[in-house]
Structure formats: structure tokens, C-alpha cells
């Protein structure tokens, strides 16, 4: 089971989701989404530093990156992470760490739900001084419980990504083809700009051969 929340502190709204237990967390780790520059669709994982907690993900909106995540949205995620930690929920001044999903590292030696990082420099921290009940209550009102097929969702997301990339490549090829045609037309026009001037008809008209004997009188 996965719990889905809607954060309305940003527009359009953002979606946050939480695994019910460590086994669900395992699937969330496995079937998360890579950073995608086209959909700018990026998964972040939050958990309480040095304390047991649920893994909380937020799927950022188009145009957002984990570098410019809105502060109110970050606060919602951090508060939700604290609230879903049995130990952390009781404590003040706790540290929440977060990182892009693509930075998560998992190998066979790790326990269920356990995760590490490929690059520790991509891990950031946010301090939560105390639980903010208004935030938690607002988010809990939006909570929906689902049993998603995470594998199928990822396959569909990858399929869409490939489709978008193929569409972009086709559009780029068409654009390049059009630009090439326009360049060729401009080149041809430049090379043949004086063709009419030196046509046989114009040459005959400008020739003195067919002029009358008194044509020079015009210049006298």
C-alpha cells in the first residue's frame, strides 16, 4: 500500500507519496523514476537522519528541479517525514535528509528498505524544529490509500519518455531539413540573382545592333 498526499502550497499542486512499511519502501526504491529533463518528472526521497522513518517521495512538477524545489513544498515533505517516524515524531530539532531518486544506491547486502547514496555530495539536509500540526492535518485531509502496480507505472513512464524523445528527434530532423532547404534556396537565389539581367532577350534589347542610325542623337 502507498499513501498519496496532495500539497497545495504550490501551484499546480505537487504529489507526495509514502510507503506503508519497509517492504513497500523497497518497491519505491526499485521502481522510482530517473531524472527526466523532458518531463522534468524528478523523484526525491526523504527520511529522518539516524532515525527510523518511512521513505517519503515527492514528484516535482514540470520545470522544477531538486535545486529549486519551493520552500513551502520542502517544508511539507519534511513535516510529513517527521510525522511518519515513530521516534522522530516525538523529538524536536531533527534533521531530514533528501536527495534525487537517481542518487539512491541499493545492493544485495543491504537490509530491506535500507538505502545508500552514489554521491554523498548530492544529499542535503533540512532542520525541522518541531511538528507543525496545521501542516500535517492539511496533508492528512488529502491522503489517499492505493495499491499501485509500481513496475507497470515505471514501464509506462519509460515508454512515454522514449516516445517524447523520439518525437523530439523527429521534430528536430524536420526542423533541420527545413533549415537546410531554406539555406539551399537562399544560396541558389544569390548565385542566380543576375540571371535575368544577362538573358538573351535583355542582351538583345540592350544591344546597339538593332538601333536606328540616329540613336546617338538622344545623347546630343
N, C-alpha and C. Protein backbone atom coordinates (compact mmCIF):
# COMPACT_ATOMS: atom_id res chain seq x y z
N UNK A 1 0.84 -1.20 0.00
CA UNK A 1 0.00 0.00 0.00
C UNK A 1 0.88 1.25 0.00
N UNK A 2 0.45 2.23 -0.76
CA UNK A 2 1.16 3.52 -0.81
C UNK A 2 0.17 4.61 -0.45
N UNK A 3 0.62 5.54 0.39
CA UNK A 3 -0.20 6.67 0.76
C UNK A 3 0.18 7.87 -0.11
N UNK A 4 -0.83 8.48 -0.72
CA UNK A 4 -0.61 9.63 -1.58
C UNK A 4 -1.20 10.87 -0.93
N UNK A 5 -0.42 11.95 -0.98
CA UNK A 5 -0.85 13.23 -0.41
C UNK A 5 -0.74 14.31 -1.48
N UNK A 6 -1.58 15.32 -1.34
CA UNK A 6 -1.53 16.46 -2.26
C UNK A 6 -1.09 17.69 -1.50
N UNK A 7 -0.03 18.32 -1.99
CA UNK A 7 0.45 19.55 -1.38
C UNK A 7 -0.03 20.73 -2.22
N UNK A 8 -0.88 21.55 -1.61
CA UNK A 8 -1.46 22.70 -2.30
C UNK A 8 -0.74 24.01 -2.00
N UNK A 9 0.45 23.91 -1.42
CA UNK A 9 1.19 25.14 -1.11
C UNK A 9 1.90 25.68 -2.35
N UNK A 10 1.86 24.89 -3.42
CA UNK A 10 2.43 25.32 -4.70
C UNK A 10 1.35 25.15 -5.76
N UNK A 11 1.53 25.84 -6.87
CA UNK A 11 0.56 25.75 -7.97
C UNK A 11 1.32 25.54 -9.28
N UNK A 12 0.97 24.47 -10.02
CA UNK A 12 -0.03 23.45 -9.68
C UNK A 12 0.42 22.61 -8.49
N UNK A 13 -0.53 21.89 -7.93
CA UNK A 13 -0.27 21.10 -6.73
C UNK A 13 0.80 20.04 -6.99
N UNK A 14 1.50 19.68 -5.93
CA UNK A 14 2.51 18.62 -6.01
C UNK A 14 1.99 17.38 -5.29
N UNK A 15 2.51 16.22 -5.69
CA UNK A 15 2.07 14.96 -5.09
C UNK A 15 3.21 14.32 -4.31
N UNK A 16 2.88 13.94 -3.09
CA UNK A 16 3.84 13.31 -2.19
C UNK A 16 3.33 11.90 -1.91
N UNK A 17 4.22 10.92 -1.87
CA UNK A 17 3.75 9.57 -1.57
C UNK A 17 4.72 8.88 -0.61
N UNK A 18 4.13 8.00 0.19
CA UNK A 18 4.85 7.36 1.29
C UNK A 18 4.56 5.87 1.28
N UNK A 19 5.60 5.04 1.43
CA UNK A 19 5.39 3.61 1.55
C UNK A 19 4.85 3.26 2.93
N UNK A 20 3.95 2.26 2.97
CA UNK A 20 3.35 1.89 4.24
C UNK A 20 4.36 1.28 5.19
N UNK A 21 5.27 0.46 4.66
CA UNK A 21 6.26 -0.22 5.51
C UNK A 21 7.56 -0.39 4.73
N UNK A 22 8.52 -1.09 5.35
CA UNK A 22 9.83 -1.22 4.73
C UNK A 22 9.77 -2.05 3.45
N UNK A 23 8.82 -2.95 3.35
CA UNK A 23 8.70 -3.75 2.13
C UNK A 23 8.16 -2.89 0.98
N UNK A 24 7.22 -2.03 1.30
CA UNK A 24 6.72 -1.10 0.29
C UNK A 24 7.81 -0.09 -0.08
N UNK A 25 8.62 0.29 0.91
CA UNK A 25 9.73 1.19 0.63
C UNK A 25 10.69 0.56 -0.38
N UNK A 26 10.85 -0.76 -0.27
CA UNK A 26 11.74 -1.47 -1.17
C UNK A 26 11.27 -1.33 -2.62
N UNK A 27 9.97 -1.45 -2.83
CA UNK A 27 9.43 -1.29 -4.18
C UNK A 27 9.55 0.14 -4.67
N UNK A 28 9.36 1.10 -3.76
CA UNK A 28 9.50 2.50 -4.15
C UNK A 28 10.95 2.80 -4.57
N UNK A 29 11.89 2.21 -3.88
CA UNK A 29 13.30 2.38 -4.24
C UNK A 29 13.56 1.76 -5.61
N UNK A 30 13.02 0.57 -5.83
CA UNK A 30 13.29 -0.18 -7.05
C UNK A 30 12.63 0.44 -8.27
N UNK A 31 11.42 0.90 -8.09
CA UNK A 31 10.65 1.34 -9.26
C UNK A 31 10.45 2.85 -9.32
N UNK A 32 11.35 3.60 -8.71
CA UNK A 32 11.29 5.05 -8.82
C UNK A 32 11.66 5.49 -10.22
N UNK A 33 11.56 6.78 -10.49
CA UNK A 33 11.85 7.32 -11.82
C UNK A 33 13.16 8.08 -11.83
N UNK A 34 13.92 7.92 -12.90
CA UNK A 34 15.16 8.67 -13.07
C UNK A 34 14.85 10.14 -13.33
N UNK A 35 15.87 10.96 -13.19
CA UNK A 35 15.70 12.36 -13.57
C UNK A 35 15.37 12.40 -15.07
N UNK A 36 14.39 13.19 -15.40
CA UNK A 36 13.95 13.28 -16.79
C UNK A 36 13.87 14.74 -17.18
N UNK A 37 14.79 15.24 -18.06
CA UNK A 37 14.80 16.66 -18.42
C UNK A 37 13.60 17.07 -19.23
N UNK A 38 12.90 16.09 -19.96
CA UNK A 38 11.73 16.45 -20.78
C UNK A 38 10.49 16.61 -19.92
N UNK A 39 10.31 15.72 -19.07
CA UNK A 39 9.11 15.83 -18.24
C UNK A 39 9.43 16.57 -16.96
N UNK A 40 10.66 16.85 -16.94
CA UNK A 40 11.11 17.38 -15.70
C UNK A 40 10.27 16.73 -14.60
N UNK A 41 10.05 15.22 -14.84
CA UNK A 41 9.32 14.50 -13.82
C UNK A 41 10.36 13.84 -12.86
N UNK A 42 11.08 14.57 -11.46
CA UNK A 42 12.18 14.05 -10.64
C UNK A 42 11.67 13.53 -9.30
N UNK A 43 12.10 12.34 -8.87
CA UNK A 43 11.68 11.78 -7.57
C UNK A 43 12.69 12.09 -6.48
N UNK A 44 12.24 12.61 -5.34
CA UNK A 44 13.11 12.85 -4.18
C UNK A 44 12.70 11.92 -3.04
N UNK A 45 13.68 11.43 -2.31
CA UNK A 45 13.37 10.59 -1.16
C UNK A 45 13.82 11.30 0.11
N UNK A 46 12.95 11.33 1.08
CA UNK A 46 13.25 11.97 2.36
C UNK A 46 13.23 10.90 3.46
N UNK A 47 14.12 10.99 4.41
CA UNK A 47 13.94 10.20 5.62
C UNK A 47 14.65 10.88 6.78
N UNK A 48 14.29 10.49 7.99
CA UNK A 48 14.86 11.12 9.18
C UNK A 48 16.28 10.63 9.38
N UNK A 49 17.23 11.54 9.47
CA UNK A 49 18.63 11.19 9.60
C UNK A 49 18.88 10.48 10.93
N UNK A 50 19.45 9.27 10.85
CA UNK A 50 19.83 8.44 12.02
C UNK A 50 18.62 7.96 12.82
N UNK A 51 17.43 8.10 12.30
CA UNK A 51 16.23 7.59 12.96
C UNK A 51 15.42 6.79 11.95
N UNK A 52 14.69 5.81 12.43
CA UNK A 52 13.86 5.00 11.54
C UNK A 52 12.65 5.81 11.11
N UNK A 53 12.38 5.79 9.80
CA UNK A 53 11.21 6.53 9.31
C UNK A 53 10.77 5.96 7.97
N UNK A 54 9.59 6.35 7.56
CA UNK A 54 9.11 5.98 6.23
C UNK A 54 9.90 6.76 5.18
N UNK A 55 9.93 6.22 3.97
CA UNK A 55 10.52 6.95 2.86
C UNK A 55 9.42 7.79 2.22
N UNK A 56 9.67 9.07 2.09
CA UNK A 56 8.69 9.99 1.53
C UNK A 56 9.22 10.51 0.21
N UNK A 57 8.40 10.41 -0.82
CA UNK A 57 8.80 10.88 -2.15
C UNK A 57 7.90 12.03 -2.58
N UNK A 58 8.48 12.94 -3.33
CA UNK A 58 7.68 13.98 -3.97
C UNK A 58 8.04 13.98 -5.45
N UNK A 59 7.04 14.01 -6.27
CA UNK A 59 7.27 14.07 -7.71
C UNK A 59 7.15 15.54 -8.12
N UNK A 60 8.28 16.10 -8.47
CA UNK A 60 8.30 17.53 -8.80
C UNK A 60 7.58 17.80 -10.11
N UNK A 61 7.13 19.02 -10.22
CA UNK A 61 6.34 19.42 -11.38
C UNK A 61 7.23 19.85 -12.53
N UNK A 62 6.63 19.97 -13.69
CA UNK A 62 7.40 20.35 -14.87
C UNK A 62 8.08 21.69 -14.65
N UNK A 63 9.36 21.72 -14.98
CA UNK A 63 10.13 22.95 -14.81
C UNK A 63 10.86 23.03 -13.49
N UNK A 64 10.52 22.14 -12.56
CA UNK A 64 11.18 22.14 -11.25
C UNK A 64 12.34 21.16 -11.26
N UNK A 65 13.32 21.46 -10.47
CA UNK A 65 14.41 20.52 -10.20
C UNK A 65 14.59 20.45 -8.70
N UNK A 66 15.38 19.48 -8.26
CA UNK A 66 15.58 19.39 -6.81
C UNK A 66 16.40 20.58 -6.31
N UNK A 67 17.04 21.32 -7.20
CA UNK A 67 17.79 22.51 -6.80
C UNK A 67 16.88 23.69 -6.52
N UNK A 68 15.71 23.72 -7.14
CA UNK A 68 14.84 24.88 -6.92
C UNK A 68 13.48 24.49 -6.36
N UNK A 69 13.42 23.37 -5.65
CA UNK A 69 12.17 22.96 -5.02
C UNK A 69 11.68 24.09 -4.11
N UNK A 70 10.41 24.41 -4.21
CA UNK A 70 9.85 25.52 -3.44
C UNK A 70 9.94 25.24 -1.94
N UNK A 71 10.31 26.24 -1.19
CA UNK A 71 10.48 26.08 0.26
C UNK A 71 9.21 25.56 0.95
N UNK A 72 8.00 26.07 0.61
CA UNK A 72 6.80 25.54 1.27
C UNK A 72 6.59 24.05 0.98
N UNK A 73 6.92 23.62 -0.24
CA UNK A 73 6.79 22.20 -0.58
C UNK A 73 7.82 21.37 0.17
N UNK A 74 9.02 21.89 0.27
CA UNK A 74 10.07 21.21 1.03
C UNK A 74 9.66 21.06 2.49
N UNK A 75 9.03 22.08 3.04
CA UNK A 75 8.57 22.03 4.43
C UNK A 75 7.47 20.98 4.60
N UNK A 76 6.55 20.91 3.63
CA UNK A 76 5.51 19.87 3.69
C UNK A 76 6.12 18.48 3.73
N UNK A 77 7.11 18.25 2.85
CA UNK A 77 7.76 16.94 2.79
C UNK A 77 8.49 16.62 4.10
N UNK A 78 9.19 17.60 4.62
CA UNK A 78 9.95 17.38 5.85
C UNK A 78 9.01 17.11 7.03
N UNK A 79 7.92 17.86 7.13
CA UNK A 79 6.96 17.65 8.20
C UNK A 79 6.31 16.27 8.09
N UNK A 80 5.99 15.86 6.88
CA UNK A 80 5.38 14.56 6.67
C UNK A 80 6.35 13.44 7.01
N UNK A 81 7.62 13.65 6.72
CA UNK A 81 8.64 12.66 7.06
C UNK A 81 8.75 12.52 8.58
N UNK A 82 8.80 13.63 9.26
CA UNK A 82 8.87 13.60 10.72
C UNK A 82 7.65 12.90 11.31
N UNK A 83 6.47 13.21 10.79
CA UNK A 83 5.23 12.64 11.31
C UNK A 83 5.16 11.13 11.09
N UNK A 84 5.88 10.64 10.08
CA UNK A 84 5.85 9.21 9.78
C UNK A 84 7.05 8.47 10.35
N UNK A 85 7.69 9.07 11.32
CA UNK A 85 8.77 8.41 12.05
C UNK A 85 8.33 8.24 13.50
N UNK A 86 8.29 7.00 13.97
CA UNK A 86 7.83 6.73 15.34
C UNK A 86 8.69 7.48 16.35
N UNK A 87 10.00 7.44 16.12
CA UNK A 87 10.91 8.12 17.04
C UNK A 87 10.98 9.62 16.74
N UNK A 88 11.15 9.93 15.47
CA UNK A 88 11.34 11.33 15.09
C UNK A 88 10.13 12.19 15.39
N UNK A 89 8.94 11.63 15.36
CA UNK A 89 7.73 12.40 15.60
C UNK A 89 7.66 12.93 17.03
N UNK A 90 8.40 12.27 17.94
CA UNK A 90 8.37 12.66 19.34
C UNK A 90 9.47 13.66 19.70
N UNK A 91 10.37 13.89 18.77
CA UNK A 91 11.53 14.71 19.07
C UNK A 91 11.45 16.07 18.38
N UNK A 92 12.16 17.03 18.93
CA UNK A 92 12.30 18.34 18.31
C UNK A 92 13.71 18.45 17.72
N UNK A 93 13.87 19.41 16.84
CA UNK A 93 15.18 19.70 16.24
C UNK A 93 15.79 18.46 15.58
N UNK A 94 15.05 17.86 14.68
CA UNK A 94 15.57 16.70 13.95
C UNK A 94 15.99 17.14 12.55
N UNK A 95 16.87 16.35 11.95
CA UNK A 95 17.39 16.66 10.61
C UNK A 95 16.80 15.69 9.60
N UNK A 96 16.23 16.25 8.56
CA UNK A 96 15.72 15.46 7.45
C UNK A 96 16.73 15.56 6.31
N UNK A 97 17.10 14.42 5.72
CA UNK A 97 18.00 14.47 4.56
C UNK A 97 17.20 14.11 3.31
N UNK A 98 17.60 14.71 2.20
CA UNK A 98 16.89 14.42 0.95
C UNK A 98 17.85 14.43 -0.23
N UNK A 99 17.49 13.71 -1.28
CA UNK A 99 18.37 13.53 -2.44
C UNK A 99 17.53 13.11 -3.64
N UNK A 100 18.01 13.32 -4.85
CA UNK A 100 17.27 12.80 -6.01
C UNK A 100 17.19 11.28 -5.98
N UNK A 101 16.10 10.75 -6.49
CA UNK A 101 15.94 9.29 -6.52
C UNK A 101 17.10 8.63 -7.27
N UNK A 102 17.59 9.26 -8.31
CA UNK A 102 18.67 8.68 -9.10
C UNK A 102 19.96 8.53 -8.30
N UNK A 103 20.04 9.20 -7.16
CA UNK A 103 21.24 9.10 -6.33
C UNK A 103 21.16 7.96 -5.31
N UNK A 104 20.01 7.29 -5.23
CA UNK A 104 19.88 6.19 -4.29
C UNK A 104 20.69 4.99 -4.76
N UNK A 105 21.32 4.33 -3.81
CA UNK A 105 22.12 3.15 -4.12
C UNK A 105 21.61 1.97 -3.30
N UNK A 106 21.43 0.85 -3.97
CA UNK A 106 20.91 -0.35 -3.30
C UNK A 106 21.68 -1.56 -3.80
N UNK A 107 22.12 -2.39 -2.85
CA UNK A 107 22.75 -3.65 -3.26
C UNK A 107 22.25 -4.79 -2.38
N UNK A 108 22.62 -6.00 -2.75
CA UNK A 108 22.10 -7.18 -2.07
C UNK A 108 22.49 -7.32 -0.62
N UNK A 109 23.51 -6.62 -0.18
CA UNK A 109 23.97 -6.73 1.21
C UNK A 109 23.13 -5.89 2.17
N UNK A 110 22.30 -5.02 1.63
CA UNK A 110 21.52 -4.11 2.47
C UNK A 110 20.23 -4.76 2.93
N UNK A 111 19.79 -4.38 4.11
CA UNK A 111 18.54 -4.89 4.66
C UNK A 111 17.37 -4.32 3.87
N UNK A 112 16.21 -4.94 4.04
CA UNK A 112 15.00 -4.50 3.36
C UNK A 112 14.69 -3.04 3.71
N UNK A 113 14.52 -2.23 2.71
CA UNK A 113 14.20 -0.82 2.93
C UNK A 113 15.41 0.06 3.16
N UNK A 114 16.59 -0.56 3.31
CA UNK A 114 17.79 0.23 3.55
C UNK A 114 18.35 0.75 2.23
N UNK A 115 18.95 1.92 2.28
CA UNK A 115 19.45 2.54 1.06
C UNK A 115 20.69 3.36 1.37
N UNK A 116 21.54 3.50 0.37
CA UNK A 116 22.71 4.37 0.48
C UNK A 116 22.69 5.33 -0.69
N UNK A 117 23.83 6.03 -0.91
CA UNK A 117 23.86 7.05 -1.94
C UNK A 117 25.08 6.87 -2.84
N UNK A 118 24.89 7.12 -4.13
CA UNK A 118 26.01 7.08 -5.06
C UNK A 118 26.96 8.23 -4.79
N UNK A 119 26.39 9.40 -4.56
CA UNK A 119 27.20 10.60 -4.35
C UNK A 119 26.71 11.34 -3.11
N UNK A 120 27.44 11.24 -2.01
CA UNK A 120 27.03 11.92 -0.77
C UNK A 120 26.90 13.43 -0.92
N UNK A 121 27.59 14.00 -1.92
CA UNK A 121 27.51 15.44 -2.12
C UNK A 121 26.14 15.88 -2.63
N UNK A 122 25.36 14.92 -3.11
CA UNK A 122 24.01 15.23 -3.59
C UNK A 122 22.96 15.02 -2.51
N UNK A 123 23.39 14.89 -1.29
CA UNK A 123 22.48 14.74 -0.16
C UNK A 123 22.42 16.06 0.60
N UNK A 124 21.22 16.57 0.81
CA UNK A 124 21.05 17.83 1.52
C UNK A 124 20.24 17.63 2.78
N UNK A 125 20.33 18.61 3.66
CA UNK A 125 19.67 18.49 4.96
C UNK A 125 18.75 19.67 5.20
N UNK A 126 17.68 19.39 5.94
CA UNK A 126 16.78 20.46 6.36
C UNK A 126 16.41 20.21 7.82
N UNK A 127 16.45 21.23 8.61
CA UNK A 127 16.15 21.11 10.04
C UNK A 127 14.67 21.32 10.29
N UNK A 128 14.08 20.38 11.03
CA UNK A 128 12.68 20.52 11.46
C UNK A 128 12.70 20.72 12.97
N UNK A 129 12.37 21.91 13.41
CA UNK A 129 12.47 22.23 14.83
C UNK A 129 11.37 21.55 15.64
N UNK A 130 10.17 21.57 15.09
CA UNK A 130 9.05 20.98 15.83
C UNK A 130 7.97 20.54 14.85
N UNK A 131 7.10 19.68 15.29
CA UNK A 131 5.99 19.23 14.46
C UNK A 131 4.98 20.37 14.29
N UNK A 132 4.58 20.60 13.06
CA UNK A 132 3.59 21.63 12.76
C UNK A 132 2.26 20.94 12.44
N UNK A 133 1.40 20.86 13.45
CA UNK A 133 0.14 20.14 13.27
C UNK A 133 -0.74 20.70 12.15
N UNK A 134 -0.81 22.03 11.96
CA UNK A 134 -1.62 22.53 10.84
C UNK A 134 -1.18 21.96 9.49
N UNK A 135 0.13 21.79 9.31
CA UNK A 135 0.64 21.23 8.05
C UNK A 135 0.25 19.76 7.92
N UNK A 136 0.46 19.01 8.98
CA UNK A 136 0.14 17.58 8.96
C UNK A 136 -1.35 17.36 8.78
N UNK A 137 -2.16 18.14 9.47
CA UNK A 137 -3.62 18.00 9.34
C UNK A 137 -4.07 18.32 7.92
N UNK A 138 -3.48 19.36 7.34
CA UNK A 138 -3.85 19.73 5.97
C UNK A 138 -3.50 18.62 5.00
N UNK A 139 -2.32 18.04 5.15
CA UNK A 139 -1.89 16.97 4.25
C UNK A 139 -2.71 15.70 4.46
N UNK A 140 -3.01 15.40 5.72
CA UNK A 140 -3.77 14.17 6.01
C UNK A 140 -5.18 14.22 5.42
N UNK A 141 -5.72 15.41 5.25
CA UNK A 141 -7.05 15.53 4.64
C UNK A 141 -7.04 15.13 3.17
N UNK A 142 -5.87 15.14 2.59
CA UNK A 142 -5.76 14.79 1.16
C UNK A 142 -5.29 13.35 0.97
N UNK A 143 -5.04 12.62 2.04
CA UNK A 143 -4.43 11.29 1.92
C UNK A 143 -5.35 10.29 1.23
N UNK A 144 -4.76 9.56 0.30
CA UNK A 144 -5.48 8.51 -0.42
C UNK A 144 -4.62 7.25 -0.36
N UNK A 145 -5.24 6.12 -0.02
CA UNK A 145 -4.52 4.86 0.02
C UNK A 145 -4.73 4.10 -1.28
N UNK A 146 -3.63 3.65 -1.89
CA UNK A 146 -3.72 2.92 -3.15
C UNK A 146 -2.80 1.70 -3.12
N UNK A 147 -3.09 0.77 -4.02
CA UNK A 147 -2.25 -0.41 -4.20
C UNK A 147 -1.74 -0.39 -5.65
N UNK A 148 -0.80 0.50 -5.94
CA UNK A 148 -0.37 0.68 -7.33
C UNK A 148 0.53 -0.44 -7.81
N UNK A 149 0.52 -0.65 -9.11
CA UNK A 149 1.48 -1.55 -9.74
C UNK A 149 2.67 -0.68 -10.11
N UNK A 150 3.63 -0.59 -9.21
CA UNK A 150 4.75 0.33 -9.39
C UNK A 150 5.60 -0.03 -10.60
N UNK A 151 5.74 -1.34 -10.84
CA UNK A 151 6.51 -1.78 -12.01
C UNK A 151 5.84 -1.28 -13.31
N UNK A 152 4.53 -1.47 -13.38
CA UNK A 152 3.79 -1.06 -14.57
C UNK A 152 3.85 0.46 -14.74
N UNK A 153 3.77 1.19 -13.64
CA UNK A 153 3.82 2.65 -13.70
C UNK A 153 5.18 3.12 -14.24
N UNK A 154 6.24 2.44 -13.79
CA UNK A 154 7.56 2.84 -14.28
C UNK A 154 7.72 2.49 -15.75
N UNK A 155 7.25 1.32 -16.15
CA UNK A 155 7.34 0.93 -17.56
C UNK A 155 6.57 1.92 -18.44
N UNK A 156 5.41 2.35 -17.96
CA UNK A 156 4.62 3.32 -18.71
C UNK A 156 5.34 4.66 -18.80
N UNK A 157 5.98 5.06 -17.69
CA UNK A 157 6.71 6.33 -17.68
C UNK A 157 7.90 6.26 -18.64
N UNK A 158 8.61 5.13 -18.67
CA UNK A 158 9.74 4.97 -19.57
C UNK A 158 9.28 4.94 -21.02
N UNK A 159 8.13 4.31 -21.24
CA UNK A 159 7.56 4.25 -22.59
C UNK A 159 7.24 5.66 -23.08
N UNK A 160 6.63 6.45 -22.20
CA UNK A 160 6.30 7.84 -22.56
C UNK A 160 7.56 8.65 -22.81
N UNK A 161 8.58 8.41 -21.99
CA UNK A 161 9.84 9.12 -22.16
C UNK A 161 10.45 8.81 -23.52
N UNK A 162 10.45 7.52 -23.89
CA UNK A 162 11.00 7.13 -25.19
C UNK A 162 10.20 7.76 -26.33
N UNK A 163 8.87 7.78 -26.15
CA UNK A 163 8.00 8.38 -27.17
C UNK A 163 8.30 9.87 -27.33
N UNK A 164 8.44 10.57 -26.20
CA UNK A 164 8.72 12.00 -26.25
C UNK A 164 10.08 12.28 -26.88
N UNK A 165 11.06 11.43 -26.54
CA UNK A 165 12.40 11.61 -27.11
C UNK A 165 12.38 11.37 -28.62
N UNK A 166 11.64 10.33 -29.04
CA UNK A 166 11.53 10.03 -30.47
C UNK A 166 10.81 11.17 -31.20
N UNK A 167 9.77 11.69 -30.59
CA UNK A 167 9.03 12.80 -31.18
C UNK A 167 9.93 14.02 -31.31
N UNK A 168 10.72 14.29 -30.29
CA UNK A 168 11.64 15.42 -30.33
C UNK A 168 12.67 15.24 -31.44
N UNK A 169 13.22 14.01 -31.55
CA UNK A 169 14.20 13.76 -32.61
C UNK A 169 13.59 13.96 -33.99
N UNK A 170 12.35 13.46 -34.17
CA UNK A 170 11.67 13.63 -35.46
C UNK A 170 11.43 15.10 -35.77
N UNK A 171 11.01 15.86 -34.75
CA UNK A 171 10.78 17.29 -34.94
C UNK A 171 12.09 18.01 -35.26
N UNK A 172 13.17 17.58 -34.60
CA UNK A 172 14.46 18.20 -34.84
C UNK A 172 14.94 17.90 -36.26
N UNK A 173 14.72 16.65 -36.72
CA UNK A 173 15.11 16.28 -38.09
C UNK A 173 14.33 17.12 -39.10
N UNK A 174 13.03 17.28 -38.86
CA UNK A 174 12.19 18.06 -39.76
C UNK A 174 12.63 19.52 -39.76
N UNK A 175 12.98 20.03 -38.59
CA UNK A 175 13.47 21.41 -38.49
C UNK A 175 14.78 21.58 -39.24
N UNK A 176 15.69 20.61 -39.05
CA UNK A 176 16.98 20.66 -39.74
C UNK A 176 16.79 20.59 -41.25
N UNK A 177 15.86 19.73 -41.68
CA UNK A 177 15.59 19.57 -43.11
C UNK A 177 15.05 20.88 -43.70
N UNK A 178 14.14 21.52 -42.97
CA UNK A 178 13.57 22.78 -43.43
C UNK A 178 14.63 23.87 -43.51
N UNK A 179 15.48 23.94 -42.48
CA UNK A 179 16.54 24.95 -42.47
C UNK A 179 17.53 24.71 -43.60
N UNK A 180 17.83 23.44 -43.89
CA UNK A 180 18.74 23.11 -44.99
C UNK A 180 18.14 23.55 -46.32
N UNK A 181 16.84 23.29 -46.50
CA UNK A 181 16.16 23.68 -47.73
C UNK A 181 16.16 25.19 -47.91
N UNK A 182 15.93 25.90 -46.81
CA UNK A 182 15.94 27.37 -46.86
C UNK A 182 17.32 27.90 -47.20
N UNK A 183 18.36 27.27 -46.63
CA UNK A 183 19.73 27.69 -46.94
C UNK A 183 20.06 27.45 -48.41
N UNK A 184 19.61 26.29 -48.93
CA UNK A 184 19.86 25.98 -50.33
C UNK A 184 19.13 26.96 -51.25
N UNK A 185 17.92 27.34 -50.88
CA UNK A 185 17.16 28.29 -51.68
C UNK A 185 17.84 29.66 -51.68
N UNK A 186 18.29 30.10 -50.52
CA UNK A 186 18.99 31.39 -50.43
C UNK A 186 20.28 31.37 -51.23
N UNK A 187 20.99 30.24 -51.17
CA UNK A 187 22.24 30.11 -51.92
C UNK A 187 21.95 30.17 -53.42
N UNK A 188 20.91 29.47 -53.86
CA UNK A 188 20.56 29.46 -55.28
C UNK A 188 20.16 30.85 -55.75
N UNK A 189 19.36 31.53 -54.92
CA UNK A 189 18.94 32.88 -55.27
C UNK A 189 20.13 33.82 -55.38
N UNK A 190 21.09 33.65 -54.48
CA UNK A 190 22.27 34.50 -54.51
C UNK A 190 23.10 34.24 -55.76
N UNK A 191 23.25 32.95 -56.09
CA UNK A 191 24.06 32.58 -57.25
C UNK A 191 23.41 32.97 -58.57
N UNK A 192 22.07 33.04 -58.60
CA UNK A 192 21.36 33.31 -59.84
C UNK A 192 20.65 34.68 -59.82
N UNK A 193 21.09 35.55 -58.96
CA UNK A 193 20.43 36.86 -58.81
C UNK A 193 20.48 37.68 -60.09
N UNK A 194 21.55 37.50 -60.92
CA UNK A 194 21.72 38.31 -62.13
C UNK A 194 21.41 37.53 -63.41
N UNK A 195 20.79 36.37 -63.27
CA UNK A 195 20.50 35.55 -64.45
C UNK A 195 19.62 36.30 -65.44
N UNK A 196 18.56 36.97 -64.96
CA UNK A 196 17.64 37.66 -65.85
C UNK A 196 18.31 38.84 -66.55
N UNK A 197 19.22 39.45 -65.86
CA UNK A 197 19.90 40.61 -66.42
C UNK A 197 20.70 40.25 -67.65
N UNK A 198 21.23 39.04 -67.68
CA UNK A 198 22.06 38.62 -68.79
C UNK A 198 21.37 37.61 -69.69
N UNK A 199 20.04 37.61 -69.65
CA UNK A 199 19.30 36.73 -70.54
C UNK A 199 19.44 37.20 -71.97
N UNK A 200 19.20 36.31 -72.93
CA UNK A 200 19.36 36.64 -74.35
C UNK A 200 18.45 37.80 -74.74
N UNK A 201 17.22 37.79 -74.24
CA UNK A 201 16.27 38.85 -74.58
C UNK A 201 16.77 40.21 -74.11
N UNK A 202 17.23 40.23 -72.81
CA UNK A 202 17.72 41.50 -72.28
C UNK A 202 18.99 41.97 -72.97
N UNK A 203 19.82 41.02 -73.38
CA UNK A 203 21.05 41.37 -74.08
C UNK A 203 20.75 41.97 -75.43
N UNK A 204 19.73 41.38 -76.13
CA UNK A 204 19.35 41.92 -77.43
C UNK A 204 18.78 43.33 -77.30
N UNK A 205 17.95 43.53 -76.25
CA UNK A 205 17.35 44.84 -76.05
C UNK A 205 18.39 45.90 -75.76
N UNK A 206 19.44 45.50 -75.10
CA UNK A 206 20.48 46.47 -74.75
C UNK A 206 21.55 46.60 -75.82
N UNK A 207 21.45 45.78 -76.89
CA UNK A 207 22.46 45.80 -77.94
C UNK A 207 22.24 46.99 -78.87
N UNK A 208 23.30 47.56 -79.42
CA UNK A 208 23.22 48.65 -80.39
C UNK A 208 22.93 48.17 -81.79
N UNK A 209 22.95 46.85 -81.98
CA UNK A 209 22.83 46.28 -83.31
C UNK A 209 21.54 46.67 -84.02
N UNK A 210 20.43 46.69 -83.28
CA UNK A 210 19.14 46.96 -83.89
C UNK A 210 18.66 48.40 -83.71
N UNK A 211 19.54 49.26 -83.29
CA UNK A 211 19.15 50.64 -83.08
C UNK A 211 19.19 51.41 -84.43
N UNK A 212 18.45 52.45 -84.51
CA UNK A 212 18.47 53.29 -85.71
C UNK A 212 19.75 54.07 -85.82
N UNK A 213 19.97 54.65 -87.00
CA UNK A 213 21.21 55.39 -87.23
C UNK A 213 21.33 56.65 -86.38
N UNK A 214 20.14 57.15 -86.01
CA UNK A 214 20.16 58.40 -85.26
C UNK A 214 20.01 58.19 -83.75
N UNK A 215 20.28 56.96 -83.28
CA UNK A 215 20.07 56.73 -81.83
C UNK A 215 21.00 57.56 -80.98
N UNK A 216 22.15 57.98 -81.61
CA UNK A 216 23.09 58.78 -80.82
C UNK A 216 22.60 60.21 -80.64
N UNK A 217 21.57 60.61 -81.46
CA UNK A 217 21.03 61.95 -81.33
C UNK A 217 20.45 62.21 -79.94
N UNK A 218 20.02 61.08 -79.33
CA UNK A 218 19.44 61.23 -77.98
C UNK A 218 20.43 61.76 -76.97
N UNK A 219 21.70 61.57 -77.26
CA UNK A 219 22.73 61.97 -76.30
C UNK A 219 23.38 63.31 -76.66
N UNK A 220 22.88 63.92 -77.78
CA UNK A 220 23.47 65.18 -78.21
C UNK A 220 22.87 66.35 -77.47
